[in-house]
Amino acid sequence: TKVQEMKRQAAERRGRAGEWVAMIFLALRGYRILGHRLRTPYGEVDVAAWKRGVLVIVEVKARKSFEAGIFAVTPQAQQRIARAAQALAGRWRLQAAPVRFDIVVVGASLLPRHERAAWFDER
């Protein structure tokens, strides 16, 4: 319906704005942003960054609470993001670099909340 489509578009805009806020937040903390909205055969990576020899894959969630943002990244989403990260590492010849998976929740408080090493992938 038209209402559902408008809600979906509003959520998409919130998500895009959240990604920009997260990238600025991370850049101010010394992360080098390698890219955002990166498409792979396995899905999209919100933000990829580099800090101290680590490829940091960041899932950004625009939510009203930190918990809602964390719980929105389901185990299935984690697996998809991990596969996408492997594809990016290969594309950028960074297979030897350690990979860390972070979540940044935007909108739950005044500043974004950054959960480092939010999950691990054994690949």
PDB file of N, CA and C in Angstrom:
ATOM      1  N   THR A   1       0.839  -1.201   0.000  1.00  0.00           N
ATOM      2  CA  THR A   1       0.000   0.000   0.000  1.00  0.00           C
ATOM      3  C   THR A   1       0.875   1.252   0.000  1.00  0.00           C
ATOM      4  N   LYS A   2       0.241   2.366  -0.240  1.00  0.00           N
ATOM      5  CA  LYS A   2       0.957   3.645  -0.292  1.00  0.00           C
ATOM      6  C   LYS A   2       1.576   3.989   1.071  1.00  0.00           C
ATOM      7  N   VAL A   3       0.836   3.731   2.154  1.00  0.00           N
ATOM      8  CA  VAL A   3       1.325   4.045   3.508  1.00  0.00           C
ATOM      9  C   VAL A   3       2.572   3.215   3.825  1.00  0.00           C
ATOM     10  N   GLN A   4       2.523   1.918   3.504  1.00  0.00           N
ATOM     11  CA  GLN A   4       3.681   1.046   3.753  1.00  0.00           C
ATOM     12  C   GLN A   4       4.898   1.518   2.966  1.00  0.00           C
ATOM     13  N   GLU A   5       4.675   1.913   1.721  1.00  0.00           N
ATOM     14  CA  GLU A   5       5.772   2.397   0.885  1.00  0.00           C
ATOM     15  C   GLU A   5       6.378   3.675   1.463  1.00  0.00           C
ATOM     16  N   MET A   6       5.531   4.572   1.969  1.00  0.00           N
ATOM     17  CA  MET A   6       6.033   5.808   2.570  1.00  0.00           C
ATOM     18  C   MET A   6       6.841   5.506   3.833  1.00  0.00           C
ATOM     19  N   LYS A   7       6.362   4.542   4.636  1.00  0.00           N
ATOM     20  CA  LYS A   7       7.092   4.153   5.844  1.00  0.00           C
ATOM     21  C   LYS A   7       8.440   3.546   5.486  1.00  0.00           C
ATOM     22  N   ARG A   8       8.449   2.698   4.440  1.00  0.00           N
ATOM     23  CA  ARG A   8       9.693   2.066   4.007  1.00  0.00           C
ATOM     24  C   ARG A   8      10.692   3.131   3.535  1.00  0.00           C
ATOM     25  N   GLN A   9      10.202   4.110   2.767  1.00  0.00           N
ATOM     26  CA  GLN A   9      11.078   5.183   2.283  1.00  0.00           C
ATOM     27  C   GLN A   9      11.614   6.019   3.439  1.00  0.00           C
ATOM     28  N   ALA A  10      10.775   6.288   4.439  1.00  0.00           N
ATOM     29  CA  ALA A  10      11.226   7.048   5.604  1.00  0.00           C
ATOM     30  C   ALA A  10      12.296   6.267   6.361  1.00  0.00           C
ATOM     31  N   ALA A  11      12.111   4.956   6.508  1.00  0.00           N
ATOM     32  CA  ALA A  11      13.101   4.112   7.187  1.00  0.00           C
ATOM     33  C   ALA A  11      14.411   4.104   6.401  1.00  0.00           C
ATOM     34  N   GLU A  12      14.317   4.060   5.081  1.00  0.00           N
ATOM     35  CA  GLU A  12      15.503   4.089   4.216  1.00  0.00           C
ATOM     36  C   GLU A  12      16.270   5.409   4.413  1.00  0.00           C
ATOM     37  N   ARG A  13      15.533   6.528   4.462  1.00  0.00           N
ATOM     38  CA  ARG A  13      16.180   7.835   4.681  1.00  0.00           C
ATOM     39  C   ARG A  13      16.859   7.888   6.047  1.00  0.00           C
ATOM     40  N   ARG A  14      16.161   7.381   7.088  1.00  0.00           N
ATOM     41  CA  ARG A  14      16.754   7.342   8.434  1.00  0.00           C
ATOM     42  C   ARG A  14      18.029   6.507   8.431  1.00  0.00           C
ATOM     43  N   GLY A  15      17.973   5.373   7.735  1.00  0.00           N
ATOM     44  CA  GLY A  15      19.144   4.495   7.661  1.00  0.00           C
ATOM     45  C   GLY A  15      20.320   5.165   6.976  1.00  0.00           C
ATOM     46  N   ARG A  16      20.052   5.826   5.850  1.00  0.00           N
ATOM     47  CA  ARG A  16      21.126   6.526   5.124  1.00  0.00           C
ATOM     48  C   ARG A  16      21.729   7.636   5.977  1.00  0.00           C
ATOM     49  N   ALA A  17      20.874   8.406   6.636  1.00  0.00           N
ATOM     50  CA  ALA A  17      21.361   9.483   7.510  1.00  0.00           C
ATOM     51  C   ALA A  17      22.174   8.885   8.651  1.00  0.00           C
ATOM     52  N   GLY A  18      21.698   7.773   9.208  1.00  0.00           N
ATOM     53  CA  GLY A  18      22.421   7.100  10.283  1.00  0.00           C
ATOM     54  C   GLY A  18      23.802   6.648   9.847  1.00  0.00           C
ATOM     55  N   GLU A  19      23.909   6.167   8.601  1.00  0.00           N
ATOM     56  CA  GLU A  19      25.218   5.740   8.090  1.00  0.00           C
ATOM     57  C   GLU A  19      26.187   6.916   8.016  1.00  0.00           C
ATOM     58  N   TRP A  20      25.710   8.078   7.576  1.00  0.00           N
ATOM     59  CA  TRP A  20      26.584   9.258   7.507  1.00  0.00           C
ATOM     60  C   TRP A  20      27.021   9.698   8.900  1.00  0.00           C
ATOM     61  N   VAL A  21      26.073   9.703   9.841  1.00  0.00           N
ATOM     62  CA  VAL A  21      26.411  10.063  11.224  1.00  0.00           C
ATOM     63  C   VAL A  21      27.467   9.093  11.755  1.00  0.00           C
ATOM     64  N   ALA A  22      27.267   7.804  11.508  1.00  0.00           N
ATOM     65  CA  ALA A  22      28.216   6.789  11.985  1.00  0.00           C
ATOM     66  C   ALA A  22      29.595   6.986  11.359  1.00  0.00           C
ATOM     67  N   MET A  23      29.635   7.291  10.055  1.00  0.00           N
ATOM     68  CA  MET A  23      30.940   7.477   9.392  1.00  0.00           C
ATOM     69  C   MET A  23      31.688   8.680   9.958  1.00  0.00           C
ATOM     70  N   ILE A  24      30.979   9.768  10.194  1.00  0.00           N
ATOM     71  CA  ILE A  24      31.617  10.952  10.779  1.00  0.00           C
ATOM     72  C   ILE A  24      32.109  10.626  12.188  1.00  0.00           C
ATOM     73  N   PHE A  25      31.267   9.966  12.968  1.00  0.00           N
ATOM     74  CA  PHE A  25      31.599   9.552  14.332  1.00  0.00           C
ATOM     75  C   PHE A  25      32.872   8.690  14.329  1.00  0.00           C
ATOM     76  N   LEU A  26      32.932   7.712  13.435  1.00  0.00           N
ATOM     77  CA  LEU A  26      34.105   6.821  13.369  1.00  0.00           C
ATOM     78  C   LEU A  26      35.345   7.573  12.885  1.00  0.00           C
ATOM     79  N   ALA A  27      35.180   8.416  11.886  1.00  0.00           N
ATOM     80  CA  ALA A  27      36.327   9.170  11.353  1.00  0.00           C
ATOM     81  C   ALA A  27      36.934  10.058  12.432  1.00  0.00           C
ATOM     82  N   LEU A  28      36.079  10.653  13.257  1.00  0.00           N
ATOM     83  CA  LEU A  28      36.575  11.508  14.341  1.00  0.00           C
ATOM     84  C   LEU A  28      37.331  10.703  15.397  1.00  0.00           C
ATOM     85  N   ARG A  29      37.112   9.399  15.412  1.00  0.00           N
ATOM     86  CA  ARG A  29      37.808   8.516  16.357  1.00  0.00           C
ATOM     87  C   ARG A  29      38.979   7.786  15.717  1.00  0.00           C
ATOM     88  N   GLY A  30      39.419   8.268  14.567  1.00  0.00           N
ATOM     89  CA  GLY A  30      40.635   7.740  13.975  1.00  0.00           C
ATOM     90  C   GLY A  30      40.457   6.582  13.004  1.00  0.00           C
ATOM     91  N   TYR A  31      39.231   6.243  12.650  1.00  0.00           N
ATOM     92  CA  TYR A  31      39.001   5.198  11.660  1.00  0.00           C
ATOM     93  C   TYR A  31      39.108   5.813  10.271  1.00  0.00           C
ATOM     94  N   ARG A  32      39.751   5.088   9.362  1.00  0.00           N
ATOM     95  CA  ARG A  32      39.780   5.531   7.970  1.00  0.00           C
ATOM     96  C   ARG A  32      38.645   4.821   7.248  1.00  0.00           C
ATOM     97  N   ILE A  33      37.699   5.572   6.745  1.00  0.00           N
ATOM     98  CA  ILE A  33      36.537   4.987   6.069  1.00  0.00           C
ATOM     99  C   ILE A  33      36.983   4.516   4.680  1.00  0.00           C
ATOM    100  N   LEU A  34      36.808   3.219   4.427  1.00  0.00           N
ATOM    101  CA  LEU A  34      37.188   2.651   3.138  1.00  0.00           C
ATOM    102  C   LEU A  34      36.023   2.684   2.155  1.00  0.00           C
ATOM    103  N   GLY A  35      34.813   2.689   2.694  1.00  0.00           N
ATOM    104  CA  GLY A  35      33.649   2.755   1.821  1.00  0.00           C
ATOM    105  C   GLY A  35      32.382   2.548   2.618  1.00  0.00           C
ATOM    106  N   HIS A  36      31.264   2.860   1.976  1.00  0.00           N
ATOM    107  CA  HIS A  36      29.981   2.589   2.619  1.00  0.00           C
ATOM    108  C   HIS A  36      28.987   2.131   1.566  1.00  0.00           C
ATOM    109  N   ARG A  37      27.953   1.422   2.021  1.00  0.00           N
ATOM    110  CA  ARG A  37      26.959   0.823   1.134  1.00  0.00           C
ATOM    111  C   ARG A  37      27.655  -0.011   0.069  1.00  0.00           C
ATOM    112  N   LEU A  38      28.546  -0.856   0.506  1.00  0.00           N
ATOM    113  CA  LEU A  38      29.371  -1.654  -0.402  1.00  0.00           C
ATOM    114  C   LEU A  38      28.628  -2.928  -0.782  1.00  0.00           C
ATOM    115  N   ARG A  39      28.373  -3.077  -2.063  1.00  0.00           N
ATOM    116  CA  ARG A  39      27.627  -4.247  -2.536  1.00  0.00           C
ATOM    117  C   ARG A  39      28.574  -5.406  -2.830  1.00  0.00           C
ATOM    118  N   THR A  40      28.138  -6.590  -2.416  1.00  0.00           N
ATOM    119  CA  THR A  40      28.858  -7.826  -2.724  1.00  0.00           C
ATOM    120  C   THR A  40      27.812  -8.848  -3.179  1.00  0.00           C
ATOM    121  N   PRO A  41      28.257  -9.991  -3.710  1.00  0.00           N
ATOM    122  CA  PRO A  41      27.281 -11.027  -4.073  1.00  0.00           C
ATOM    123  C   PRO A  41      26.473 -11.533  -2.867  1.00  0.00           C
ATOM    124  N   TYR A  42      26.944 -11.282  -1.659  1.00  0.00           N
ATOM    125  CA  TYR A  42      26.294 -11.803  -0.446  1.00  0.00           C
ATOM    126  C   TYR A  42      25.420 -10.766   0.248  1.00  0.00           C
ATOM    127  N   GLY A  43      25.443  -9.543  -0.249  1.00  0.00           N
ATOM    128  CA  GLY A  43      24.674  -8.475   0.370  1.00  0.00           C
ATOM    129  C   GLY A  43      25.537  -7.251   0.564  1.00  0.00           C
ATOM    130  N   GLU A  44      24.979  -6.285   1.258  1.00  0.00           N
ATOM    131  CA  GLU A  44      25.635  -4.990   1.401  1.00  0.00           C
ATOM    132  C   GLU A  44      26.316  -4.852   2.760  1.00  0.00           C
ATOM    133  N   VAL A  45      27.464  -4.183   2.756  1.00  0.00           N
ATOM    134  CA  VAL A  45      28.142  -3.808   3.998  1.00  0.00           C
ATOM    135  C   VAL A  45      27.884  -2.325   4.195  1.00  0.00           C
ATOM    136  N   ASP A  46      27.376  -1.945   5.380  1.00  0.00           N
ATOM    137  CA  ASP A  46      27.051  -0.538   5.622  1.00  0.00           C
ATOM    138  C   ASP A  46      28.297   0.337   5.551  1.00  0.00           C
ATOM    139  N   VAL A  47      29.304  -0.005   6.367  1.00  0.00           N
ATOM    140  CA  VAL A  47      30.541   0.786   6.407  1.00  0.00           C
ATOM    141  C   VAL A  47      31.722  -0.161   6.584  1.00  0.00           C
ATOM    142  N   ALA A  48      32.772   0.081   5.806  1.00  0.00           N
ATOM    143  CA  ALA A  48      34.033  -0.620   6.010  1.00  0.00           C
ATOM    144  C   ALA A  48      35.071   0.427   6.373  1.00  0.00           C
ATOM    145  N   ALA A  49      35.862   0.130   7.391  1.00  0.00           N
ATOM    146  CA  ALA A  49      36.863   1.093   7.864  1.00  0.00           C
ATOM    147  C   ALA A  49      38.147   0.349   8.187  1.00  0.00           C
ATOM    148  N   TRP A  50      39.197   1.121   8.420  1.00  0.00           N
ATOM    149  CA  TRP A  50      40.505   0.570   8.717  1.00  0.00           C
ATOM    150  C   TRP A  50      41.058   1.288   9.929  1.00  0.00           C
ATOM    151  N   LYS A  51      41.538   0.540  10.908  1.00  0.00           N
ATOM    152  CA  LYS A  51      42.189   1.168  12.049  1.00  0.00           C
ATOM    153  C   LYS A  51      43.218   0.205  12.625  1.00  0.00           C
ATOM    154  N   ARG A  52      44.438   0.690  12.743  1.00  0.00           N
ATOM    155  CA  ARG A  52      45.533  -0.080  13.346  1.00  0.00           C
ATOM    156  C   ARG A  52      45.665  -1.486  12.760  1.00  0.00           C
ATOM    157  N   GLY A  53      45.635  -1.579  11.442  1.00  0.00           N
ATOM    158  CA  GLY A  53      45.849  -2.864  10.792  1.00  0.00           C
ATOM    159  C   GLY A  53      44.675  -3.817  10.848  1.00  0.00           C
ATOM    160  N   VAL A  54      43.501  -3.327  11.220  1.00  0.00           N
ATOM    161  CA  VAL A  54      42.304  -4.174  11.306  1.00  0.00           C
ATOM    162  C   VAL A  54      41.247  -3.645  10.337  1.00  0.00           C
ATOM    163  N   LEU A  55      40.681  -4.575   9.540  1.00  0.00           N
ATOM    164  CA  LEU A  55      39.541  -4.238   8.696  1.00  0.00           C
ATOM    165  C   LEU A  55      38.305  -4.301   9.590  1.00  0.00           C
ATOM    166  N   VAL A  56      37.636  -3.168   9.746  1.00  0.00           N
ATOM    167  CA  VAL A  56      36.477  -3.090  10.636  1.00  0.00           C
ATOM    168  C   VAL A  56      35.222  -2.978   9.771  1.00  0.00           C
ATOM    169  N   ILE A  57      34.350  -3.973   9.913  1.00  0.00           N
ATOM    170  CA  ILE A  57      33.084  -3.999   9.186  1.00  0.00           C
ATOM    171  C   ILE A  57      32.009  -3.538  10.157  1.00  0.00           C
ATOM    172  N   VAL A  58      31.308  -2.461   9.792  1.00  0.00           N
ATOM    173  CA  VAL A  58      30.373  -1.828  10.725  1.00  0.00           C
ATOM    174  C   VAL A  58      28.953  -1.934  10.188  1.00  0.00           C
ATOM    175  N   GLU A  59      28.090  -2.514  10.988  1.00  0.00           N
ATOM    176  CA  GLU A  59      26.658  -2.526  10.691  1.00  0.00           C
ATOM    177  C   GLU A  59      26.054  -1.345  11.450  1.00  0.00           C
ATOM    178  N   VAL A  60      25.332  -0.500  10.732  1.00  0.00           N
ATOM    179  CA  VAL A  60      24.752   0.698  11.339  1.00  0.00           C
ATOM    180  C   VAL A  60      23.251   0.476  11.496  1.00  0.00           C
ATOM    181  N   LYS A  61      22.741   0.774  12.686  1.00  0.00           N
ATOM    182  CA  LYS A  61      21.312   0.655  12.948  1.00  0.00           C
ATOM    183  C   LYS A  61      20.790   1.972  13.512  1.00  0.00           C
ATOM    184  N   ALA A  62      19.748   2.505  12.888  1.00  0.00           N
ATOM    185  CA  ALA A  62      19.075   3.695  13.407  1.00  0.00           C
ATOM    186  C   ALA A  62      17.874   3.194  14.211  1.00  0.00           C
ATOM    187  N   ARG A  63      17.978   3.282  15.519  1.00  0.00           N
ATOM    188  CA  ARG A  63      16.929   2.753  16.405  1.00  0.00           C
ATOM    189  C   ARG A  63      16.736   3.691  17.586  1.00  0.00           C
ATOM    190  N   LYS A  64      15.582   3.553  18.234  1.00  0.00           N
ATOM    191  CA  LYS A  64      15.270   4.395  19.387  1.00  0.00           C
ATOM    192  C   LYS A  64      15.974   3.928  20.656  1.00  0.00           C
ATOM    193  N   SER A  65      16.406   2.658  20.680  1.00  0.00           N
ATOM    194  CA  SER A  65      17.160   2.177  21.839  1.00  0.00           C
ATOM    195  C   SER A  65      18.377   1.396  21.372  1.00  0.00           C
ATOM    196  N   PHE A  66      19.417   1.419  22.201  1.00  0.00           N
ATOM    197  CA  PHE A  66      20.642   0.684  21.899  1.00  0.00           C
ATOM    198  C   PHE A  66      20.345  -0.809  21.759  1.00  0.00           C
ATOM    199  N   GLU A  67      19.523  -1.332  22.673  1.00  0.00           N
ATOM    200  CA  GLU A  67      19.195  -2.760  22.657  1.00  0.00           C
ATOM    201  C   GLU A  67      18.491  -3.143  21.359  1.00  0.00           C
ATOM    202  N   ALA A  68      17.553  -2.303  20.920  1.00  0.00           N
ATOM    203  CA  ALA A  68      16.828  -2.591  19.674  1.00  0.00           C
ATOM    204  C   ALA A  68      17.800  -2.652  18.501  1.00  0.00           C
ATOM    205  N   GLY A  69      18.800  -1.771  18.512  1.00  0.00           N
ATOM    206  CA  GLY A  69      19.804  -1.774  17.444  1.00  0.00           C
ATOM    207  C   GLY A  69      20.642  -3.037  17.461  1.00  0.00           C
ATOM    208  N   ILE A  70      21.070  -3.442  18.648  1.00  0.00           N
ATOM    209  CA  ILE A  70      21.896  -4.647  18.779  1.00  0.00           C
ATOM    210  C   ILE A  70      21.101  -5.885  18.360  1.00  0.00           C
ATOM    211  N   PHE A  71      19.852  -5.997  18.854  1.00  0.00           N
ATOM    212  CA  PHE A  71      19.043  -7.180  18.548  1.00  0.00           C
ATOM    213  C   PHE A  71      18.610  -7.233  17.087  1.00  0.00           C
ATOM    214  N   ALA A  72      18.654  -6.100  16.395  1.00  0.00           N
ATOM    215  CA  ALA A  72      18.267  -6.074  14.978  1.00  0.00           C
ATOM    216  C   ALA A  72      19.284  -6.803  14.101  1.00  0.00           C
ATOM    217  N   VAL A  73      20.496  -7.003  14.617  1.00  0.00           N
ATOM    218  CA  VAL A  73      21.524  -7.705  13.841  1.00  0.00           C
ATOM    219  C   VAL A  73      21.455  -9.182  14.234  1.00  0.00           C
ATOM    220  N   THR A  74      20.580  -9.904  13.547  1.00  0.00           N
ATOM    221  CA  THR A  74      20.302 -11.310  13.859  1.00  0.00           C
ATOM    222  C   THR A  74      21.486 -12.199  13.489  1.00  0.00           C
ATOM    223  N   PRO A  75      21.519 -13.417  14.006  1.00  0.00           N
ATOM    224  CA  PRO A  75      22.578 -14.359  13.589  1.00  0.00           C
ATOM    225  C   PRO A  75      22.632 -14.547  12.070  1.00  0.00           C
ATOM    226  N   GLN A  76      21.475 -14.572  11.412  1.00  0.00           N
ATOM    227  CA  GLN A  76      21.467 -14.698   9.944  1.00  0.00           C
ATOM    228  C   GLN A  76      22.129 -13.480   9.301  1.00  0.00           C
ATOM    229  N   ALA A  77      21.820 -12.293   9.819  1.00  0.00           N
ATOM    230  CA  ALA A  77      22.428 -11.066   9.298  1.00  0.00           C
ATOM    231  C   ALA A  77      23.937 -11.098   9.535  1.00  0.00           C
ATOM    232  N   GLN A  78      24.356 -11.567  10.708  1.00  0.00           N
ATOM    233  CA  GLN A  78      25.783 -11.658  11.021  1.00  0.00           C
ATOM    234  C   GLN A  78      26.501 -12.550  10.012  1.00  0.00           C
ATOM    235  N   GLN A  79      25.895 -13.689   9.680  1.00  0.00           N
ATOM    236  CA  GLN A  79      26.508 -14.605   8.709  1.00  0.00           C
ATOM    237  C   GLN A  79      26.599 -13.953   7.334  1.00  0.00           C
ATOM    238  N   ARG A  80      25.531 -13.277   6.917  1.00  0.00           N
ATOM    239  CA  ARG A  80      25.523 -12.606   5.612  1.00  0.00           C
ATOM    240  C   ARG A  80      26.605 -11.533   5.565  1.00  0.00           C
ATOM    241  N   ILE A  81      26.701 -10.740   6.644  1.00  0.00           N
ATOM    242  CA  ILE A  81      27.686  -9.659   6.701  1.00  0.00           C
ATOM    243  C   ILE A  81      29.098 -10.236   6.702  1.00  0.00           C
ATOM    244  N   ALA A  82      29.308 -11.355   7.407  1.00  0.00           N
ATOM    245  CA  ALA A  82      30.628 -11.992   7.438  1.00  0.00           C
ATOM    246  C   ALA A  82      31.032 -12.480   6.047  1.00  0.00           C
ATOM    247  N   ARG A  83      30.085 -13.067   5.307  1.00  0.00           N
ATOM    248  CA  ARG A  83      30.392 -13.513   3.932  1.00  0.00           C
ATOM    249  C   ARG A  83      30.710 -12.307   3.048  1.00  0.00           C
ATOM    250  N   ALA A  84      29.930 -11.237   3.201  1.00  0.00           N
ATOM    251  CA  ALA A  84      30.169 -10.018   2.424  1.00  0.00           C
ATOM    252  C   ALA A  84      31.543  -9.437   2.763  1.00  0.00           C
ATOM    253  N   ALA A  85      31.920  -9.495   4.048  1.00  0.00           N
ATOM    254  CA  ALA A  85      33.229  -8.980   4.483  1.00  0.00           C
ATOM    255  C   ALA A  85      34.359  -9.770   3.832  1.00  0.00           C
ATOM    256  N   GLN A  86      34.203 -11.088   3.757  1.00  0.00           N
ATOM    257  CA  GLN A  86      35.226 -11.921   3.108  1.00  0.00           C
ATOM    258  C   GLN A  86      35.370 -11.529   1.635  1.00  0.00           C
ATOM    259  N   ALA A  87      34.247 -11.273   0.979  1.00  0.00           N
ATOM    260  CA  ALA A  87      34.276 -10.858  -0.424  1.00  0.00           C
ATOM    261  C   ALA A  87      35.017  -9.528  -0.575  1.00  0.00           C
ATOM    262  N   LEU A  88      34.747  -8.586   0.327  1.00  0.00           N
ATOM    263  CA  LEU A  88      35.432  -7.291   0.268  1.00  0.00           C
ATOM    264  C   LEU A  88      36.922  -7.444   0.538  1.00  0.00           C
ATOM    265  N   ALA A  89      37.266  -8.255   1.542  1.00  0.00           N
ATOM    266  CA  ALA A  89      38.681  -8.464   1.875  1.00  0.00           C
ATOM    267  C   ALA A  89      39.408  -9.014   0.652  1.00  0.00           C
ATOM    268  N   GLY A  90      38.766  -9.937  -0.051  1.00  0.00           N
ATOM    269  CA  GLY A  90      39.376 -10.484  -1.265  1.00  0.00           C
ATOM    270  C   GLY A  90      39.508  -9.430  -2.353  1.00  0.00           C
ATOM    271  N   ARG A  91      38.478  -8.632  -2.531  1.00  0.00           N
ATOM    272  CA  ARG A  91      38.473  -7.578  -3.547  1.00  0.00           C
ATOM    273  C   ARG A  91      39.614  -6.595  -3.282  1.00  0.00           C
ATOM    274  N   TRP A  92      39.857  -6.306  -2.005  1.00  0.00           N
ATOM    275  CA  TRP A  92      40.870  -5.312  -1.631  1.00  0.00           C
ATOM    276  C   TRP A  92      42.215  -5.947  -1.278  1.00  0.00           C
ATOM    277  N   ARG A  93      42.351  -7.253  -1.500  1.00  0.00           N
ATOM    278  CA  ARG A  93      43.581  -7.995  -1.169  1.00  0.00           C
ATOM    279  C   ARG A  93      43.963  -7.816   0.299  1.00  0.00           C
ATOM    280  N   LEU A  94      42.974  -7.912   1.163  1.00  0.00           N
ATOM    281  CA  LEU A  94      43.205  -7.772   2.607  1.00  0.00           C
ATOM    282  C   LEU A  94      42.872  -9.071   3.348  1.00  0.00           C
ATOM    283  N   GLN A  95      42.950 -10.219   2.630  1.00  0.00           N
ATOM    284  CA  GLN A  95      42.585 -11.488   3.248  1.00  0.00           C
ATOM    285  C   GLN A  95      43.416 -11.790   4.483  1.00  0.00           C
ATOM    286  N   ALA A  96      44.660 -11.284   4.523  1.00  0.00           N
ATOM    287  CA  ALA A  96      45.543 -11.572   5.660  1.00  0.00           C
ATOM    288  C   ALA A  96      45.240 -10.679   6.870  1.00  0.00           C
ATOM    289  N   ALA A  97      44.480  -9.618   6.660  1.00  0.00           N
ATOM    290  CA  ALA A  97      44.203  -8.673   7.758  1.00  0.00           C
ATOM    291  C   ALA A  97      43.145  -9.251   8.695  1.00  0.00           C
ATOM    292  N   PRO A  98      43.290  -8.987   9.999  1.00  0.00           N
ATOM    293  CA  PRO A  98      42.208  -9.371  10.903  1.00  0.00           C
ATOM    294  C   PRO A  98      40.952  -8.553  10.582  1.00  0.00           C
ATOM    295  N   VAL A  99      39.801  -9.183  10.798  1.00  0.00           N
ATOM    296  CA  VAL A  99      38.515  -8.518  10.536  1.00  0.00           C
ATOM    297  C   VAL A  99      37.749  -8.457  11.849  1.00  0.00           C
ATOM    298  N   ARG A 100      37.186  -7.285  12.127  1.00  0.00           N
ATOM    299  CA  ARG A 100      36.370  -7.113  13.326  1.00  0.00           C
ATOM    300  C   ARG A 100      34.982  -6.640  12.893  1.00  0.00           C
ATOM    301  N   PHE A 101      33.961  -7.141  13.580  1.00  0.00           N
ATOM    302  CA  PHE A 101      32.583  -6.772  13.265  1.00  0.00           C
ATOM    303  C   PHE A 101      32.025  -5.896  14.379  1.00  0.00           C
ATOM    304  N   ASP A 102      31.683  -4.666  14.024  1.00  0.00           N
ATOM    305  CA  ASP A 102      31.168  -3.699  14.987  1.00  0.00           C
ATOM    306  C   ASP A 102      29.728  -3.326  14.628  1.00  0.00           C
ATOM    307  N   ILE A 103      29.020  -2.794  15.612  1.00  0.00           N
ATOM    308  CA  ILE A 103      27.689  -2.230  15.380  1.00  0.00           C
ATOM    309  C   ILE A 103      27.705  -0.803  15.923  1.00  0.00           C
ATOM    310  N   VAL A 104      27.170   0.125  15.142  1.00  0.00           N
ATOM    311  CA  VAL A 104      26.969   1.491  15.622  1.00  0.00           C
ATOM    312  C   VAL A 104      25.466   1.749  15.618  1.00  0.00           C
ATOM    313  N   VAL A 105      24.942   2.101  16.784  1.00  0.00           N
ATOM    314  CA  VAL A 105      23.519   2.414  16.908  1.00  0.00           C
ATOM    315  C   VAL A 105      23.376   3.934  16.979  1.00  0.00           C
ATOM    316  N   VAL A 106      22.597   4.461  16.055  1.00  0.00           N
ATOM    317  CA  VAL A 106      22.378   5.900  15.939  1.00  0.00           C
ATOM    318  C   VAL A 106      20.932   6.201  16.327  1.00  0.00           C
ATOM    319  N   GLY A 107      20.728   7.262  17.085  1.00  0.00           N
ATOM    320  CA  GLY A 107      19.375   7.707  17.404  1.00  0.00           C
ATOM    321  C   GLY A 107      18.888   7.285  18.773  1.00  0.00           C
ATOM    322  N   ALA A 108      19.650   6.408  19.445  1.00  0.00           N
ATOM    323  CA  ALA A 108      19.225   5.938  20.762  1.00  0.00           C
ATOM    324  C   ALA A 108      19.608   6.944  21.854  1.00  0.00           C
ATOM    325  N   SER A 109      20.647   7.730  21.581  1.00  0.00           N
ATOM    326  CA  SER A 109      21.101   8.735  22.543  1.00  0.00           C
ATOM    327  C   SER A 109      21.711   9.882  21.759  1.00  0.00           C
ATOM    328  N   LEU A 110      22.204  10.871  22.467  1.00  0.00           N
ATOM    329  CA  LEU A 110      22.748  12.057  21.811  1.00  0.00           C
ATOM    330  C   LEU A 110      23.876  11.691  20.838  1.00  0.00           C
ATOM    331  N   LEU A 111      24.793  10.860  21.300  1.00  0.00           N
ATOM    332  CA  LEU A 111      25.882  10.405  20.435  1.00  0.00           C
ATOM    333  C   LEU A 111      25.621   8.973  19.993  1.00  0.00           C
ATOM    334  N   PRO A 112      26.139   8.587  18.835  1.00  0.00           N
ATOM    335  CA  PRO A 112      26.026   7.184  18.434  1.00  0.00           C
ATOM    336  C   PRO A 112      26.709   6.293  19.464  1.00  0.00           C
ATOM    337  N   ARG A 113      26.244   5.055  19.583  1.00  0.00           N
ATOM    338  CA  ARG A 113      26.899   4.082  20.466  1.00  0.00           C
ATOM    339  C   ARG A 113      27.588   3.044  19.626  1.00  0.00           C
ATOM    340  N   HIS A 114      28.851   2.821  19.931  1.00  0.00           N
ATOM    341  CA  HIS A 114      29.707   1.951  19.138  1.00  0.00           C
ATOM    342  C   HIS A 114      30.018   0.688  19.937  1.00  0.00           C
ATOM    343  N   GLU A 115      29.536  -0.442  19.458  1.00  0.00           N
ATOM    344  CA  GLU A 115      29.823  -1.735  20.089  1.00  0.00           C
ATOM    345  C   GLU A 115      30.921  -2.408  19.272  1.00  0.00           C
ATOM    346  N   ARG A 116      32.144  -2.392  19.810  1.00  0.00           N
ATOM    347  CA  ARG A 116      33.274  -3.008  19.114  1.00  0.00           C
ATOM    348  C   ARG A 116      33.214  -4.521  19.282  1.00  0.00           C
ATOM    349  N   ALA A 117      33.641  -5.237  18.251  1.00  0.00           N
ATOM    350  CA  ALA A 117      33.658  -6.710  18.286  1.00  0.00           C
ATOM    351  C   ALA A 117      32.304  -7.234  18.768  1.00  0.00           C
ATOM    352  N   ALA A 118      31.245  -6.794  18.117  1.00  0.00           N
ATOM    353  CA  ALA A 118      29.886  -7.148  18.513  1.00  0.00           C
ATOM    354  C   ALA A 118      29.618  -8.634  18.304  1.00  0.00           C
ATOM    355  N   TRP A 119      30.313  -9.217  17.335  1.00  0.00           N
ATOM    356  CA  TRP A 119      30.237 -10.666  17.136  1.00  0.00           C
ATOM    357  C   TRP A 119      31.510 -11.118  16.435  1.00  0.00           C
ATOM    358  N   PHE A 120      31.688 -12.425  16.398  1.00  0.00           N
ATOM    359  CA  PHE A 120      32.876 -13.005  15.783  1.00  0.00           C
ATOM    360  C   PHE A 120      32.452 -13.989  14.707  1.00  0.00           C
ATOM    361  N   ASP A 121      33.296 -14.136  13.708  1.00  0.00           N
ATOM    362  CA  ASP A 121      33.049 -15.119  12.654  1.00  0.00           C
ATOM    363  C   ASP A 121      34.286 -15.997  12.590  1.00  0.00           C
ATOM    364  N   GLU A 122      34.087 -17.297  12.567  1.00  0.00           N
ATOM    365  CA  GLU A 122      35.220 -18.243  12.658  1.00  0.00           C
ATOM    366  C   GLU A 122      35.902 -18.500  11.322  1.00  0.00           C
ATOM    367  N   ARG A 123      35.410 -17.905  10.223  1.00  0.00           N
ATOM    368  CA  ARG A 123      36.024 -18.169   8.909  1.00  0.00           C
ATOM    369  C   ARG A 123      37.492 -17.768   8.871  1.00  0.00           C
TER     370      ARG A 123
END
